[in-house]
Amino acid sequence: MIGGGGEKLTLRVIARHADWWNLPVVSPETFQHKLEILKEHCKRESRDFDNIVITLGNNIAIAKSKDKACNLASESPFFHKGSEENYIIGNPDAVTKKLAEYTKLGVEHFILRFADFPKTDGAKLFAKKVIPALRKNL
């Protein structure tokens, strides 16, 4: 696995060598753009893009309400103001919808950092509500 999204070097190295690729903390729109660049590098390297496992690393603030999720994000050192579109923030329905955007782009695995860590409330809510909802849509 190689992580990163540098368009000139990192994505070229991924096309040449990686079995897995992780792009951290980007919006679905940016993710789509980076995918297109990676596909171009794969063509130049005569590499089958479909042989690379696509992953996303991101910060997640999940709670029963959007307001509570936003409060978690604002209290977490992992979230930076002004970059909210890059993060996964919201109630279970909103989180499911955002993750579905990434899965439609080809993300196969998520590496998530929960805003309420070391508490497990967010992870438990995610496991109870989001995972079953995503499975229905796969």
Protein backbone atom coordinates (compact mmCIF):
# COMPACT_ATOMS: atom_id res chain seq x y z
CA MET A 1 0.00 0.00 0.00
CA ILE A 2 1.17 3.43 -0.91
CA GLY A 3 -0.69 6.47 0.36
CA GLY A 4 -0.84 9.90 -1.14
CA GLY A 5 -2.14 11.92 -4.01
CA GLY A 6 0.76 13.82 -5.52
CA GLU A 7 -0.13 13.93 -9.18
CA LYS A 8 3.34 13.98 -10.74
CA LEU A 9 5.32 11.58 -8.55
CA THR A 10 3.25 9.71 -5.97
CA LEU A 11 0.45 8.61 -8.28
CA ARG A 12 3.04 7.58 -10.88
CA VAL A 13 4.85 5.44 -8.28
CA ILE A 14 1.50 3.93 -7.25
CA ALA A 15 0.74 3.05 -10.87
CA ARG A 16 4.12 1.39 -11.20
CA HIS A 17 4.44 -0.45 -7.86
CA ALA A 18 1.42 -0.45 -5.55
CA ASP A 19 -1.07 -3.24 -5.00
CA TRP A 20 -3.15 -0.97 -2.75
CA TRP A 21 -3.59 2.82 -2.81
CA ASN A 22 -4.82 4.98 0.07
CA LEU A 23 -5.82 8.57 -0.46
CA PRO A 24 -6.34 10.42 2.81
CA VAL A 25 -8.88 13.10 3.72
CA VAL A 26 -10.29 14.39 0.46
CA SER A 27 -13.75 15.22 -0.86
CA PRO A 28 -15.42 12.86 -3.32
CA GLU A 29 -14.75 15.41 -6.08
CA THR A 30 -11.03 15.50 -5.32
CA PHE A 31 -11.00 11.71 -5.02
CA GLN A 32 -12.52 11.43 -8.51
CA HIS A 33 -9.89 13.79 -9.91
CA LYS A 34 -7.03 11.81 -8.33
CA LEU A 35 -8.52 8.56 -9.69
CA GLU A 36 -8.44 9.97 -13.21
CA ILE A 37 -4.80 11.00 -12.82
CA LEU A 38 -3.93 7.55 -11.46
CA LYS A 39 -5.69 5.89 -14.40
CA GLU A 40 -3.63 8.01 -16.80
CA HIS A 41 -0.41 6.97 -15.05
CA CYS A 42 -1.51 3.33 -15.19
CA LYS A 43 -2.00 3.61 -18.97
CA ARG A 44 1.48 5.09 -19.38
CA GLU A 45 2.93 2.30 -17.22
CA SER A 46 0.94 -0.40 -19.07
CA ARG A 47 -0.62 -1.27 -15.72
CA ASP A 48 -4.13 -2.59 -15.25
CA PHE A 49 -5.77 -0.02 -12.99
CA ASP A 50 -8.32 -2.62 -11.84
CA ASN A 51 -5.53 -4.55 -10.11
CA ILE A 52 -5.04 -1.77 -7.55
CA VAL A 53 -7.17 -1.94 -4.40
CA ILE A 54 -8.57 1.53 -3.70
CA THR A 55 -8.83 2.75 -0.10
CA LEU A 56 -9.73 6.01 1.60
CA GLY A 57 -8.39 7.23 4.91
CA ASN A 58 -10.58 9.82 6.58
CA ASN A 59 -11.72 11.42 9.79
CA ILE A 60 -15.31 10.74 10.81
CA ALA A 61 -17.58 12.46 13.30
CA ILE A 62 -20.80 10.50 13.68
CA ALA A 63 -23.59 11.01 16.19
CA LYS A 64 -27.36 10.62 16.33
CA SER A 65 -27.79 14.23 15.16
CA LYS A 66 -25.88 16.46 12.78
CA ASP A 67 -25.38 19.08 15.51
CA LYS A 68 -23.77 16.56 17.86
CA ALA A 69 -21.55 15.27 15.05
CA CYS A 70 -20.46 18.83 14.22
CA ASN A 71 -19.63 19.43 17.89
CA LEU A 72 -17.51 16.27 17.95
CA ALA A 73 -15.65 17.45 14.86
CA SER A 74 -15.07 20.92 16.29
CA GLU A 75 -13.58 19.43 19.47
CA SER A 76 -11.31 16.97 17.66
CA PRO A 77 -7.69 17.87 16.84
CA PHE A 78 -7.98 15.86 13.60
CA PHE A 79 -10.55 18.16 11.99
CA HIS A 80 -9.53 21.54 10.59
CA LYS A 81 -12.02 24.36 10.09
CA GLY A 82 -12.61 25.25 6.50
CA SER A 83 -12.10 21.68 5.27
CA GLU A 84 -15.45 20.20 6.29
CA GLU A 85 -16.21 18.96 2.76
CA ASN A 86 -13.18 16.67 3.06
CA TYR A 87 -14.43 14.96 6.22
CA ILE A 88 -17.25 12.59 6.99
CA ILE A 89 -19.54 14.38 9.45
CA GLY A 90 -23.15 13.74 10.33
CA ASN A 91 -25.83 11.41 11.55
CA PRO A 92 -25.84 7.77 10.34
CA ASP A 93 -27.91 8.57 7.24
CA ALA A 94 -25.59 11.40 6.16
CA VAL A 95 -22.50 9.30 6.83
CA THR A 96 -23.94 6.41 4.83
CA LYS A 97 -24.71 8.74 1.93
CA LYS A 98 -21.19 10.22 1.95
CA LEU A 99 -19.51 6.81 2.12
CA ALA A 100 -21.72 5.59 -0.73
CA GLU A 101 -20.33 8.43 -2.87
CA TYR A 102 -16.84 7.04 -2.32
CA THR A 103 -17.85 3.42 -2.94
CA LYS A 104 -19.40 4.48 -6.26
CA LEU A 105 -15.97 5.86 -7.17
CA GLY A 106 -14.39 2.48 -6.42
CA VAL A 107 -13.30 2.69 -2.79
CA GLU A 108 -13.15 -0.86 -1.45
CA HIS A 109 -11.87 -0.21 2.08
CA PHE A 110 -12.11 2.68 4.51
CA ILE A 111 -9.54 3.58 7.16
CA LEU A 112 -11.49 5.76 9.58
CA ARG A 113 -10.41 7.83 12.57
CA PHE A 114 -13.38 8.53 14.85
CA ALA A 115 -13.59 12.03 16.33
CA ASP A 116 -14.67 10.77 19.75
CA PHE A 117 -11.68 8.40 20.17
CA PRO A 118 -10.79 6.94 22.68
CA LYS A 119 -14.51 6.68 23.36
CA THR A 120 -16.26 4.06 21.24
CA ASP A 121 -19.71 5.64 20.85
CA GLY A 122 -19.04 6.74 17.28
CA ALA A 123 -17.61 3.38 16.22
CA LYS A 124 -20.53 1.54 17.80
CA LEU A 125 -23.09 3.78 16.10
CA PHE A 126 -21.23 3.30 12.82
CA ALA A 127 -21.25 -0.49 13.22
CA LYS A 128 -24.91 -0.58 14.17
CA LYS A 129 -26.36 1.82 11.58
CA VAL A 130 -23.93 2.57 8.77
CA ILE A 131 -22.37 -0.79 7.96
CA PRO A 132 -25.75 -2.57 7.51
CA ALA A 133 -27.03 0.32 5.36
CA LEU A 134 -23.94 0.24 3.14
CA ARG A 135 -24.20 -3.53 2.73
CA LYS A 136 -27.74 -3.15 1.43
CA ASN A 137 -26.47 -0.81 -1.28
CA LEU A 138 -23.55 -2.95 -2.45
